[in-house]
Protein backbone atom coordinates (compact mmCIF):
# COMPACT_ATOMS: atom_id res chain seq x y z
CA UNK A 1 11.38 -40.25 -37.52
CA UNK A 2 12.44 -37.01 -39.29
CA UNK A 3 15.74 -37.17 -36.75
CA UNK A 4 18.81 -37.08 -39.17
CA UNK A 5 17.56 -36.31 -42.32
CA UNK A 6 20.21 -33.63 -42.18
CA UNK A 7 23.13 -35.14 -40.91
CA UNK A 8 25.20 -31.85 -41.43
CA UNK A 9 23.02 -30.26 -38.80
CA UNK A 10 23.49 -31.19 -34.67
CA UNK A 11 20.81 -33.45 -33.52
CA UNK A 12 20.17 -31.87 -30.47
CA UNK A 13 20.01 -28.11 -32.58
CA UNK A 14 17.52 -30.73 -34.92
CA UNK A 15 14.82 -31.66 -32.29
CA UNK A 16 14.29 -28.05 -30.23
CA UNK A 17 13.24 -27.09 -33.84
CA UNK A 18 11.18 -30.32 -34.40
CA UNK A 19 9.28 -29.36 -31.37
CA UNK A 20 8.72 -25.43 -32.32
CA UNK A 21 7.59 -26.99 -35.73
CA UNK A 22 4.43 -29.36 -35.69
CA UNK A 23 3.65 -29.76 -39.48
CA UNK A 24 7.24 -31.72 -39.13
CA UNK A 25 5.94 -33.98 -37.03
CA UNK A 26 3.75 -37.19 -37.40
CA UNK A 27 1.03 -37.20 -35.50
CA UNK A 28 1.69 -40.16 -33.54
CA UNK A 29 4.29 -37.46 -32.10
CA UNK A 30 2.64 -34.63 -31.90
CA UNK A 31 0.75 -35.18 -28.41
CA UNK A 32 4.25 -35.99 -26.63
CA UNK A 33 5.87 -33.12 -28.55
CA UNK A 34 3.24 -30.58 -27.30
CA UNK A 35 3.60 -31.97 -24.06
CA UNK A 36 7.32 -31.18 -24.00
CA UNK A 37 7.11 -28.03 -25.51
CA UNK A 38 4.42 -26.80 -22.88
CA UNK A 39 6.85 -28.47 -19.97
CA UNK A 40 9.47 -25.98 -21.66
CA UNK A 41 7.36 -22.82 -22.16
CA UNK A 42 5.95 -23.22 -18.62
CA UNK A 43 9.54 -23.08 -17.24
CA UNK A 44 9.45 -19.46 -17.54
CA UNK A 45 5.69 -18.13 -17.49
CA UNK A 46 5.45 -15.85 -14.44
CA UNK A 47 3.69 -17.28 -11.07
CA UNK A 48 2.32 -14.78 -8.93
CA UNK A 49 1.34 -15.89 -4.81
CA UNK A 50 0.31 -13.96 -2.05
CA UNK A 51 2.62 -13.68 0.99
CA UNK A 52 0.37 -13.40 4.19
CA UNK A 53 -0.51 -9.88 4.04
CA UNK A 54 -2.39 -11.34 0.89
CA UNK A 55 -3.53 -13.80 2.59
CA UNK A 56 -5.32 -12.15 5.42
CA UNK A 57 -6.70 -9.93 2.52
CA UNK A 58 -8.11 -13.11 0.20
CA UNK A 59 -11.56 -13.76 0.55
CA UNK A 60 -10.71 -17.23 1.37
CA UNK A 61 -10.06 -15.56 4.70
CA UNK A 62 -12.94 -15.24 7.35
CA UNK A 63 -14.64 -11.97 7.40
CA UNK A 64 -14.29 -11.70 10.55
CA UNK A 65 -10.56 -12.26 10.13
CA UNK A 66 -9.94 -10.55 6.97
CA UNK A 67 -7.88 -7.33 6.28
CA UNK A 68 -7.82 -5.51 3.57
CA UNK A 69 -5.61 -4.04 1.28
CA UNK A 70 -5.45 -0.62 -0.71
CA UNK A 71 -6.43 -0.02 -4.21
CA UNK A 72 -2.20 1.19 -4.71
CA UNK A 73 -1.50 -2.39 -3.86
CA UNK A 74 -3.04 -2.47 -7.11
CA UNK A 75 -1.20 -0.10 -8.68
CA UNK A 76 2.35 -1.86 -7.69
CA UNK A 77 1.45 -5.04 -8.93
CA UNK A 78 0.38 -3.36 -12.30
CA UNK A 79 3.33 -1.23 -12.09
CA UNK A 80 5.57 -4.10 -11.51
CA UNK A 81 4.27 -5.82 -14.15
CA UNK A 82 5.01 -3.18 -16.78
CA UNK A 83 8.38 -1.88 -15.66
CA UNK A 84 9.94 -4.69 -13.68
CA UNK A 85 10.98 -4.34 -9.37
CA UNK A 86 9.19 -1.33 -8.40
CA UNK A 87 11.03 -1.18 -4.64
CA UNK A 88 14.33 -2.17 -4.69
CA UNK A 89 14.76 -2.11 -0.84
CA UNK A 90 12.01 -4.74 0.02
CA UNK A 91 9.79 -6.85 -2.19
CA UNK A 92 5.95 -6.16 -2.51
CA UNK A 93 4.66 -6.12 0.54
CA UNK A 94 1.55 -8.85 0.11
CA UNK A 95 2.48 -10.44 -3.58
CA UNK A 96 5.43 -12.01 -5.22
CA UNK A 97 5.92 -12.28 -8.28
CA UNK A 98 8.52 -14.91 -10.02
CA UNK A 99 9.39 -14.64 -13.12
CA UNK A 100 7.89 -11.28 -13.77
CA UNK A 101 10.47 -9.56 -16.19
CA UNK A 102 8.75 -12.95 -18.41
CA UNK A 103 4.81 -11.50 -17.99
CA UNK A 104 4.43 -10.55 -21.34
CA UNK A 105 1.10 -8.00 -21.74
CA UNK A 106 -0.90 -6.73 -18.74
CA UNK A 107 -4.63 -5.76 -18.69
CA UNK A 108 -7.41 -4.40 -16.22
CA UNK A 109 -10.50 -3.98 -16.44
CA UNK A 110 -12.19 -1.80 -13.17
CA UNK A 111 -15.80 -2.44 -13.00
CA UNK A 112 -16.90 0.56 -10.67
CA UNK A 113 -20.28 0.04 -8.71
CA UNK A 114 -19.47 -3.02 -7.99
CA UNK A 115 -18.69 -4.14 -4.51
CA UNK A 116 -17.61 -7.48 -2.63
CA UNK A 117 -21.32 -7.85 -1.86
CA UNK A 118 -21.44 -8.06 -5.05
CA UNK A 119 -18.95 -10.77 -6.04
CA UNK A 120 -20.48 -12.35 -2.40
CA UNK A 121 -24.37 -12.95 -3.88
CA UNK A 122 -23.73 -14.09 -7.54
CA UNK A 123 -19.96 -15.57 -7.54
CA UNK A 124 -21.02 -19.20 -7.84
CA UNK A 125 -22.93 -18.33 -10.84
CA UNK A 126 -19.71 -16.94 -12.32
CA UNK A 127 -18.34 -19.75 -13.31
CA UNK A 128 -15.89 -19.24 -15.75
CA UNK A 129 -14.39 -15.77 -12.85
CA UNK A 130 -14.18 -18.52 -10.20
CA UNK A 131 -12.04 -21.07 -13.19
CA UNK A 132 -9.36 -17.80 -14.53
CA UNK A 133 -8.93 -16.76 -10.89
CA UNK A 134 -7.13 -18.24 -8.14
CA UNK A 135 -7.12 -15.06 -5.90
CA UNK A 136 -9.60 -12.82 -4.53
CA UNK A 137 -8.81 -9.88 -2.55
CA UNK A 138 -11.07 -7.59 -0.37
CA UNK A 139 -9.55 -3.71 -1.43
CA UNK A 140 -10.32 -0.57 0.28
CA UNK A 141 -10.95 1.27 -2.88
CA UNK A 142 -11.80 5.40 -2.87
CA UNK A 143 -15.24 4.75 -3.01
CA UNK A 144 -16.37 4.59 0.51
CA UNK A 145 -14.32 7.89 1.00
CA UNK A 146 -15.77 9.74 -2.07
CA UNK A 147 -12.08 9.06 -3.88
CA UNK A 148 -11.20 8.79 -7.16
CA UNK A 149 -10.65 5.24 -8.71
CA UNK A 150 -9.12 7.31 -11.51
CA UNK A 151 -6.47 8.51 -9.74
CA UNK A 152 -4.81 6.05 -7.36
CA UNK A 153 -4.63 4.04 -10.11
CA UNK A 154 -3.03 6.60 -12.74
CA UNK A 155 -0.82 8.56 -10.30
CA UNK A 156 2.38 7.05 -9.16
CA UNK A 157 5.52 8.42 -8.54
CA UNK A 158 7.96 10.03 -10.28
CA UNK A 159 9.80 8.73 -13.71
CA UNK A 160 12.78 5.97 -13.94
CA UNK A 161 15.18 8.15 -13.81
CA UNK A 162 14.54 9.57 -10.30
CA UNK A 163 13.69 5.60 -8.96
CA UNK A 164 16.82 5.65 -7.12
CA UNK A 165 17.56 9.18 -5.73
CA UNK A 166 13.36 8.64 -4.62
CA UNK A 167 14.65 5.21 -3.31
CA UNK A 168 17.55 6.86 -1.56
CA UNK A 169 15.40 9.48 -0.02
CA UNK A 170 12.35 7.73 0.65
CA UNK A 171 13.49 4.83 1.49
CA UNK A 172 11.56 2.48 -1.12
CA UNK A 173 9.05 3.19 -4.12
CA UNK A 174 6.05 1.78 -1.78
CA UNK A 175 6.98 5.18 1.07
CA UNK A 176 7.96 7.36 -1.85
CA UNK A 177 4.57 6.50 -4.08
CA UNK A 178 2.54 7.14 -0.04
CA UNK A 179 4.50 10.25 0.23
CA UNK A 180 4.85 12.31 -3.17
CA UNK A 181 1.03 11.15 -3.61
CA UNK A 182 -1.32 13.63 -1.00
CA UNK A 183 -1.41 10.97 2.67
CA UNK A 184 -5.15 12.28 3.02
CA UNK A 185 -6.16 9.41 -0.27
CA UNK A 186 -4.65 6.74 1.65
CA UNK A 187 -5.65 8.01 5.17
CA UNK A 188 -9.10 8.89 4.06
CA UNK A 189 -10.03 5.38 3.16
CA UNK A 190 -9.89 4.27 7.23
CA UNK A 191 -10.59 7.75 9.04
CA UNK A 192 -12.92 10.65 8.95
CA UNK A 193 -11.15 13.67 7.42
CA UNK A 194 -12.19 16.31 5.79
CA UNK A 195 -11.64 17.86 2.10
CA UNK A 196 -8.43 19.56 1.50
CA UNK A 197 -4.47 20.07 0.79
CA UNK A 198 -2.04 18.50 2.93
CA UNK A 199 0.60 21.52 1.58
CA UNK A 200 3.58 19.45 2.93
CA UNK A 201 5.95 21.72 0.76
CA UNK A 202 4.92 25.56 2.05
CA UNK A 203 6.17 25.03 5.87
CA UNK A 204 8.44 27.65 7.67
CA UNK A 205 9.24 25.70 11.13
CA UNK A 206 12.78 25.64 11.09
CA UNK A 207 11.96 21.68 10.16
CA UNK A 208 14.84 20.58 6.90
CA UNK A 209 12.33 18.68 5.17
CA UNK A 210 7.99 17.88 5.82
CA UNK A 211 7.59 16.09 9.29
CA UNK A 212 5.14 14.40 6.98
CA UNK A 213 7.10 12.85 5.70
CA UNK A 214 8.09 10.13 9.58
CA UNK A 215 4.12 10.04 9.60
CA UNK A 216 3.49 5.90 8.97
CA UNK A 217 1.68 4.78 5.99
CA UNK A 218 -1.61 2.88 6.37
CA UNK A 219 0.06 0.43 5.85
CA UNK A 220 2.81 0.66 8.42
CA UNK A 221 -0.12 1.39 10.86
CA UNK A 222 -1.58 -2.03 9.72
CA UNK A 223 1.41 -4.12 10.38
CA UNK A 224 2.69 -2.25 13.29
CA UNK A 225 -0.41 -3.37 15.44
CA UNK A 226 -1.61 0.26 15.08
CA UNK A 227 -5.48 0.13 16.31
CA UNK A 228 -7.31 0.71 13.51
CA UNK A 229 -11.33 1.34 12.79
CA UNK A 230 -11.68 -1.18 9.67
CA UNK A 231 -14.37 -3.57 9.10
CA UNK A 232 -13.73 -7.65 10.10
CA UNK A 233 -11.14 -8.67 12.58
CA UNK A 234 -9.77 -5.19 13.45
CA UNK A 235 -13.37 -4.00 13.65
CA UNK A 236 -14.36 -6.56 16.13
CA UNK A 237 -11.00 -5.98 18.15
CA UNK A 238 -11.22 -2.85 18.74
CA UNK A 239 -15.15 -2.56 18.95
CA UNK A 240 -14.70 -0.67 22.51
CA UNK A 241 -11.96 2.03 21.22
CA UNK A 242 -12.51 5.25 20.09
CA UNK A 243 -11.10 7.34 17.85
CA UNK A 244 -9.05 10.75 18.92
CA UNK A 245 -11.47 13.06 17.33
CA UNK A 246 -14.86 12.79 15.20
CA UNK A 247 -13.60 13.68 12.48
CA UNK A 248 -10.18 15.23 11.39
CA UNK A 249 -8.27 17.82 9.16
CA UNK A 250 -5.47 16.84 6.34
CA UNK A 251 -2.13 16.69 8.63
CA UNK A 252 0.35 19.21 6.89
CA UNK A 253 3.63 20.21 7.12
CA UNK A 254 2.50 22.85 10.30
CA UNK A 255 0.66 20.34 12.16
CA UNK A 256 1.82 20.60 15.55
CA UNK A 257 2.91 17.08 17.33
CA UNK A 258 2.85 15.90 20.82
CA UNK A 259 4.92 13.70 22.61
CA UNK A 260 3.24 11.10 24.27
CA UNK A 261 3.60 8.43 26.61
CA UNK A 262 1.84 5.82 28.87
CA UNK A 263 2.28 3.17 31.96
CA UNK A 264 0.40 0.70 32.19
CA UNK A 265 -0.25 -2.12 35.14
CA UNK A 266 -0.88 -5.66 35.03
CA UNK A 267 -4.97 -6.41 35.97
CA UNK A 268 -6.91 -9.43 36.37
CA UNK A 269 -8.29 -8.40 32.85
CA UNK A 270 -4.50 -7.93 31.21
CA UNK A 271 -2.62 -5.02 31.14
CA UNK A 272 -4.41 -1.40 31.89
CA UNK A 273 -3.60 2.46 31.60
CA UNK A 274 -2.47 3.93 34.90
CA UNK A 275 -0.73 6.95 33.63
CA UNK A 276 -0.56 9.22 30.71
CA UNK A 277 1.09 12.60 29.72
CA UNK A 278 1.10 14.72 27.20
CA UNK A 279 3.66 17.19 26.37
CA UNK A 280 3.65 19.66 23.36
CA UNK A 281 6.83 20.99 21.32
CA UNK A 282 8.32 23.27 24.34
CA UNK A 283 8.36 20.35 26.32
CA UNK A 284 5.97 21.75 28.14
CA UNK A 285 3.40 18.89 30.20
CA UNK A 286 0.18 20.09 28.80
CA UNK A 287 -1.68 17.16 29.78
CA UNK A 288 -0.76 14.50 32.97
CA UNK A 289 -3.22 12.29 35.24
CA UNK A 290 -3.11 8.96 36.88
CA UNK A 291 -5.58 6.74 36.22
CA UNK A 292 -7.81 3.70 37.96
CA UNK A 293 -7.89 0.77 36.36
CA UNK A 294 -11.62 -1.42 36.69
CA UNK A 295 -9.78 -4.31 37.65
CA UNK A 296 -8.90 -5.47 40.62
CA UNK A 297 -4.36 -4.90 40.30
CA UNK A 298 -1.87 -8.04 40.38
CA UNK A 299 0.98 -5.98 39.39
CA UNK A 300 1.96 -2.59 39.69
CA UNK A 301 5.26 -3.45 37.27
CA UNK A 302 6.78 -0.25 39.69
CA UNK A 303 9.91 -1.40 37.86
CA UNK A 304 8.76 -0.65 34.91
CA UNK A 305 5.97 1.84 35.38
CA UNK A 306 6.40 3.69 38.77
CA UNK A 307 3.61 2.90 40.12
CA UNK A 308 2.54 2.37 43.25
CA UNK A 309 -0.34 1.16 45.14
CA UNK A 310 0.35 4.61 47.39
CA UNK A 311 0.41 6.98 44.45
CA UNK A 312 -3.67 5.21 42.73
CA UNK A 313 -5.18 5.08 46.41
CA UNK A 314 -7.09 8.29 46.10
CA UNK A 315 -7.13 7.85 42.21
CA UNK A 316 -11.36 8.40 40.88
CA UNK A 317 -9.91 8.90 37.27
CA UNK A 318 -11.26 6.36 34.59
CA UNK A 319 -10.28 5.24 31.45
CA UNK A 320 -13.25 7.14 29.73
CA UNK A 321 -12.56 10.39 31.49
CA UNK A 322 -8.79 10.37 29.88
CA UNK A 323 -10.60 9.29 26.67
CA UNK A 324 -12.97 12.07 26.61
CA UNK A 325 -9.99 14.90 28.01
CA UNK A 326 -7.16 13.61 25.08
CA UNK A 327 -10.45 14.43 22.34
CA UNK A 328 -11.21 18.34 23.85
CA UNK A 329 -7.21 19.03 24.27
CA UNK A 330 -6.06 17.08 20.63
CA UNK A 331 -6.65 19.48 17.60
CA UNK A 332 -8.07 17.64 14.85
CA UNK A 333 -4.53 17.79 12.82
CA UNK A 334 -2.26 17.52 15.96
CA UNK A 335 0.65 14.60 14.91
CA UNK A 336 1.57 11.97 18.22
CA UNK A 337 4.90 11.51 18.64
CA UNK A 338 6.54 8.49 20.78
CA UNK A 339 8.33 4.77 21.05
CA UNK A 340 6.55 2.10 19.80
CA UNK A 341 3.32 4.20 19.92
CA UNK A 342 0.77 1.31 19.13
CA UNK A 343 1.47 -0.19 23.22
CA UNK A 344 0.23 3.92 24.11
CA UNK A 345 -3.05 4.07 21.91
CA UNK A 346 -3.91 0.47 23.31
CA UNK A 347 -3.92 1.56 26.60
CA UNK A 348 -5.56 4.34 25.80
CA UNK A 349 -7.75 2.32 23.74
CA UNK A 350 -7.62 5.10 21.29
CA UNK A 351 -7.61 5.43 17.46
CA UNK A 352 -5.21 7.76 15.63
CA UNK A 353 -4.02 8.79 12.06
CA UNK A 354 -1.12 10.81 12.44
CA UNK A 355 1.67 9.44 13.63
CA UNK A 356 5.28 9.08 14.64
CA UNK A 357 6.92 6.47 16.24
CA UNK A 358 10.62 6.79 17.07
CA UNK A 359 10.85 2.51 17.00
CA UNK A 360 10.29 2.78 13.27
CA UNK A 361 11.81 6.32 11.46
CA UNK A 362 14.84 5.63 13.59
CA UNK A 363 16.82 2.75 12.87
CA UNK A 364 20.63 1.96 14.22
CA UNK A 365 21.77 -1.62 13.21
CA UNK A 366 20.47 -1.30 9.58
CA UNK A 367 18.03 -4.36 10.02
CA UNK A 368 14.34 -2.73 10.24
CA UNK A 369 12.93 -5.48 12.04
CA UNK A 370 15.14 -4.56 14.66
CA UNK A 371 13.85 -1.70 16.38
CA UNK A 372 16.26 0.65 18.81
CA UNK A 373 14.78 1.17 22.61
CA UNK A 374 14.15 4.87 23.28
CA UNK A 375 17.07 5.21 25.98
CA UNK A 376 19.27 3.78 23.55
CA UNK A 377 18.19 7.01 20.95
CA UNK A 378 18.21 9.27 24.35
CA UNK A 379 21.85 8.29 24.38
CA UNK A 380 23.08 8.27 21.16
CA UNK A 381 20.98 11.48 19.91
CA UNK A 382 20.71 13.63 22.64
CA UNK A 383 23.47 12.62 24.97
CA UNK A 384 20.83 12.10 27.17
CA UNK A 385 20.50 9.51 30.04
CA UNK A 386 16.40 8.22 30.43
CA UNK A 387 15.13 5.57 32.16
CA UNK A 388 17.47 5.61 34.93
CA UNK A 389 16.17 5.79 38.23
CA UNK A 390 15.42 2.70 40.55
CA UNK A 391 11.68 3.71 41.10
CA UNK A 392 10.74 3.32 37.48
CA UNK A 393 10.09 5.20 34.00
CA UNK A 394 8.93 8.46 33.73
CA UNK A 395 6.38 8.95 31.60
CA UNK A 396 6.90 13.34 30.67
CA UNK A 397 10.33 12.23 30.71
CA UNK A 398 10.01 9.48 27.89
CA UNK A 399 7.20 11.85 25.68
CA UNK A 400 9.57 14.46 25.92
CA UNK A 401 12.47 12.40 24.79
CA UNK A 402 11.07 10.43 21.92
CA UNK A 403 9.51 14.34 20.91
CA UNK A 404 13.29 16.11 21.39
CA UNK A 405 14.69 12.94 18.64
CA UNK A 406 12.00 13.93 16.28
CA UNK A 407 12.91 17.65 15.95
CA UNK A 408 16.29 16.71 15.72
CA UNK A 409 15.99 14.57 13.26
CA UNK A 410 13.84 17.47 11.29
CA UNK A 411 16.83 19.67 11.83
CA UNK A 412 18.96 17.21 9.80
CA UNK A 413 17.79 14.68 6.94
CA UNK A 414 15.26 11.71 6.39
CA UNK A 415 18.56 10.19 6.43
CA UNK A 416 19.72 11.09 9.84
CA UNK A 417 19.73 8.31 12.63
CA UNK A 418 19.17 5.46 10.26
CA UNK A 419 21.60 3.22 9.01
CA UNK A 420 19.33 1.43 6.63
CA UNK A 421 18.80 5.16 4.64
CA UNK A 422 22.38 5.62 5.31
CA UNK A 423 23.61 2.41 3.69
CA UNK A 424 21.47 3.08 1.02
CA UNK A 425 22.75 6.42 0.78
CA UNK A 426 26.65 5.18 0.09
CA UNK A 427 25.47 2.65 -2.53
CA UNK A 428 23.95 5.62 -4.09
CA UNK A 429 27.41 7.82 -4.05
CA UNK A 430 29.56 4.88 -5.15
CA UNK A 431 27.75 3.59 -7.88
CA UNK A 432 24.84 5.30 -9.44
CA UNK A 433 24.46 9.48 -10.67
CA UNK A 434 21.22 10.26 -10.69
CA UNK A 435 19.77 13.61 -12.92
CA UNK A 436 16.77 14.97 -10.27
CA UNK A 437 14.22 16.48 -11.47
CA UNK A 438 11.27 19.09 -10.63
CA UNK A 439 8.26 16.87 -11.30
CA UNK A 440 6.81 14.90 -8.17
CA UNK A 441 4.70 12.97 -9.53
CA UNK A 442 3.64 11.60 -13.17
CA UNK A 443 0.86 9.60 -14.50
CA UNK A 444 1.36 5.81 -15.19
CA UNK A 445 1.18 6.84 -18.62
CA UNK A 446 4.86 9.03 -18.41
CA UNK A 447 6.57 5.75 -17.26
CA UNK A 448 4.99 4.10 -20.39
CA UNK A 449 6.50 6.53 -22.56
CA UNK A 450 9.26 6.47 -20.42
CA UNK A 451 10.19 3.06 -21.10
CA UNK A 452 8.98 3.07 -24.81
CA UNK A 453 6.35 1.08 -24.19
CA UNK A 454 1.97 1.43 -24.84
CA UNK A 455 -0.98 1.86 -23.87
CA UNK A 456 -4.67 2.42 -24.21
CA UNK A 457 -7.78 3.09 -22.05
CA UNK A 458 -11.06 2.27 -23.94
CA UNK A 459 -13.98 3.32 -21.94
CA UNK A 460 -17.98 4.79 -22.62
CA UNK A 461 -18.03 8.95 -22.52
CA UNK A 462 -19.13 9.46 -18.62
CA UNK A 463 -15.41 8.18 -17.90
CA UNK A 464 -12.60 8.60 -20.11
CA UNK A 465 -13.10 11.95 -19.63
CA UNK A 466 -11.90 11.07 -16.18
CA UNK A 467 -8.52 9.74 -17.82
CA UNK A 468 -8.17 12.82 -20.83
CA UNK A 469 -6.20 14.95 -18.12
CA UNK A 470 -3.04 12.28 -16.84
CA UNK A 471 -3.00 11.32 -20.88
CA UNK A 472 -2.84 14.99 -21.93
CA UNK A 473 0.06 15.17 -19.45
CA UNK A 474 1.78 12.82 -20.40
CA UNK A 475 1.85 13.20 -24.27
CA UNK A 476 2.58 16.98 -23.25
CA UNK A 477 6.11 15.08 -22.49
CA UNK A 478 6.68 13.63 -26.03
CA UNK A 479 8.30 16.88 -27.05
CA UNK A 480 11.26 16.37 -25.38
CA UNK A 481 11.28 12.71 -26.01
CA UNK A 482 11.10 13.43 -30.05
CA UNK A 483 13.65 14.65 -30.66
CA UNK A 484 16.05 11.58 -29.48
CA UNK A 485 13.58 8.47 -30.15
CA UNK A 486 11.23 7.06 -31.95
CA UNK A 487 8.29 7.38 -29.23
CA UNK A 488 5.69 4.68 -28.66
CA UNK A 489 2.05 5.66 -27.46
CA UNK A 490 -0.63 5.87 -25.03
CA UNK A 491 -4.43 5.87 -26.71
CA UNK A 492 -7.67 6.83 -25.34
CA UNK A 493 -10.12 5.60 -27.24
CA UNK A 494 -13.77 6.41 -26.34
CA UNK A 495 -17.10 4.12 -27.47
CA UNK A 496 -20.84 4.32 -27.04
CA UNK A 497 -21.49 1.36 -25.12
CA UNK A 498 -20.41 -1.43 -22.74
CA UNK A 499 -20.07 -4.28 -25.89
CA UNK A 500 -18.13 -1.94 -27.38
CA UNK A 501 -15.55 -1.37 -24.66
CA UNK A 502 -15.31 -5.20 -24.89
CA UNK A 503 -14.82 -6.04 -28.35
CA UNK A 504 -12.04 -3.28 -28.45
CA UNK A 505 -10.43 -3.99 -25.16
CA UNK A 506 -10.43 -7.75 -26.53
CA UNK A 507 -8.71 -6.17 -29.91
CA UNK A 508 -5.86 -4.80 -28.00
CA UNK A 509 -4.48 -6.69 -26.02
CA UNK A 510 -2.15 -8.35 -28.43
CA UNK A 511 -1.09 -4.31 -29.95
CA UNK A 512 -0.72 -2.81 -26.58
CA UNK A 513 1.76 -3.00 -23.51
CA UNK A 514 -1.18 -2.11 -21.50
CA UNK A 515 -3.95 -2.57 -21.64
CA UNK A 516 -7.25 -0.84 -19.15
CA UNK A 517 -11.19 -0.74 -19.78
CA UNK A 518 -13.17 1.34 -17.49
CA UNK A 519 -16.65 0.75 -16.87
CA UNK A 520 -19.09 2.38 -14.63
CA UNK A 521 -21.45 -0.09 -13.83
CA UNK A 522 -25.69 -0.25 -11.84
CA UNK A 523 -26.55 -3.74 -11.10
CA UNK A 524 -29.85 -4.09 -10.67
CA UNK A 525 -31.67 -5.76 -7.62
CA UNK A 526 -35.00 -7.26 -10.16
CA UNK A 527 -32.44 -8.41 -13.12
CA UNK A 528 -28.72 -8.68 -11.15
CA UNK A 529 -27.48 -11.81 -11.79
CA UNK A 530 -28.29 -11.90 -15.26
CA UNK A 531 -25.94 -8.34 -15.38
CA UNK A 532 -23.19 -10.82 -13.38
CA UNK A 533 -23.36 -13.17 -15.48
CA UNK A 534 -22.80 -10.92 -18.49
CA UNK A 535 -20.24 -9.45 -16.97
CA UNK A 536 -18.74 -13.23 -16.21
CA UNK A 537 -19.44 -13.67 -20.17
CA UNK A 538 -17.11 -10.60 -20.79
CA UNK A 539 -14.56 -10.99 -18.47
CA UNK A 540 -13.50 -15.03 -20.78
CA UNK A 541 -13.92 -13.15 -24.08
CA UNK A 542 -11.27 -10.83 -22.24
CA UNK A 543 -9.16 -13.85 -21.09
CA UNK A 544 -9.48 -15.93 -24.80
CA UNK A 545 -8.14 -12.69 -25.81
CA UNK A 546 -5.02 -12.60 -23.67
CA UNK A 547 -1.73 -13.27 -24.43
CA UNK A 548 0.62 -16.53 -22.92
CA UNK A 549 2.31 -14.82 -19.26
CA UNK A 550 -0.74 -12.01 -19.20
CA UNK A 551 -1.00 -10.41 -16.54
CA UNK A 552 -4.63 -9.99 -15.82
CA UNK A 553 -6.35 -8.18 -13.16
CA UNK A 554 -10.01 -7.25 -12.41
CA UNK A 555 -11.27 -4.58 -10.18
CA UNK A 556 -14.47 -4.03 -8.55
CA UNK A 557 -14.45 -0.35 -7.69
CA UNK A 558 -16.91 -0.91 -4.26
CA UNK A 559 -18.94 1.29 -2.91
CA UNK A 560 -20.04 4.02 -0.80
CA UNK A 561 -20.57 1.44 2.16
CA UNK A 562 -19.07 -1.22 0.94
CA UNK A 563 -14.95 -2.27 0.05
CA UNK A 564 -14.37 -3.76 -3.52
CA UNK A 565 -12.43 -7.02 -4.72
CA UNK A 566 -9.59 -7.41 -6.94
CA UNK A 567 -8.77 -10.85 -8.75
CA UNK A 568 -5.38 -11.67 -10.91
CA UNK A 569 -3.69 -14.50 -12.88
CA UNK A 570 -1.12 -15.10 -14.72
CA UNK A 571 -2.07 -16.63 -17.79
CA UNK A 572 -0.08 -20.33 -17.94
CA UNK A 573 -0.45 -23.54 -20.19
CA UNK A 574 -2.61 -24.56 -18.32
């Protein structure tokens, strides 16, 4: 054995050297040394695993139970792999990336024109993809609402220098991402919203900040059990629900707010609606009615609802009557305000995109999982006593109180009434000083420049033009950096055909921190299997060129009728 041939050198150090130098190990030792080296390397290889939100979006989950992720979720993973933890206030919502700082490189292929249906039809024949990827996730993509795949993947909020300031302002980088991007980009994936801008920065209604910043994101609506017109599990659960409008207008900082509260009773079928109240921003009641449940009432819940048999004795209005009247009443950009408003919307069996929930935007404990009671919010912030009578809650009183505390918050600032924000603000003031910048959104390529990393986007001329704007903006910011540092490059590469795209991408993964290929494809019914097998071969070629610990992401962009999928894997030693 070679160990001990140089007595001046410590034995332990010599062994480490031998493990990395195969030609110094005899043939019998090589398999053992290789296995030991793999174990050492494996300790530092990142591991991607799914959280419950990822599991429920996985294709392993039955379609009727599945809740898809957003394309922005995929963007978060790409950002995380490139720049480290993008969310300092809470972990990513759908995945865990163990040892994420050891990701060696990130490669992403976007296949526009392919959907979940193509995968379900041909995946059993796509042996390479099945072998490489463990995770296959259904995603809502912009194709469903005629949005831009390029825009949603490329645009990210703010520069690294603004990170702590934005976390302090919005609560997390995830919330900042949605607030800084057009809110409609996310909501159009779920609700029928006509084209137009939100105009969040032009408001003269006395608010200290745009009220749109308090609207729950699509993620929050899903996670807080709001009824949504999605496919799969939610579609089946809400089959008899209706939307508050046939079509909505984009919400703006000038959109009107309405306080909403409902009272319910118990029937032989469960909880059913008995009273509805809606108030406007002047705290005037614009809609109030009692409702007769279809099923036999087993408990009026008078202590809480104030509803009695006498009150409902001569009521003949039914749920569908209320739904129609509310649809006629609300404008298409109405913002509904309430406390745990998901319960009220379930009682109404209605779905609405723009919601401010006081149980979420207010927090007095410093813990997001502990929601305050409306009675406590009214006492602490309005100096009002509500829900004190022995005859049950008053729906007008509750709707008005919820609206009042939101109006008060809008007169103050985003941190008002939120202990989570306050703690973060104090931390920032004590430890970090951040230089404020003017830009509201930057592309992922600006971040790459700021972090002194490199990127390349490869595609044919029918797609690279879409990236040109973001790359140009990034390159224009080079001037300020060139005088200070040696700036690495962001590159846009246009080639003639799809084979060249794959070849160029395979060559580039060893040279660039982020290598992306974007292809527009059309799968024919006649030779669909042949085309999908060719795509499977492309995936294997790129995978073979990846470095150890590289993150590989494939996105099927979806179609106007069907969702897409995302597949992801960190390359390990196996």
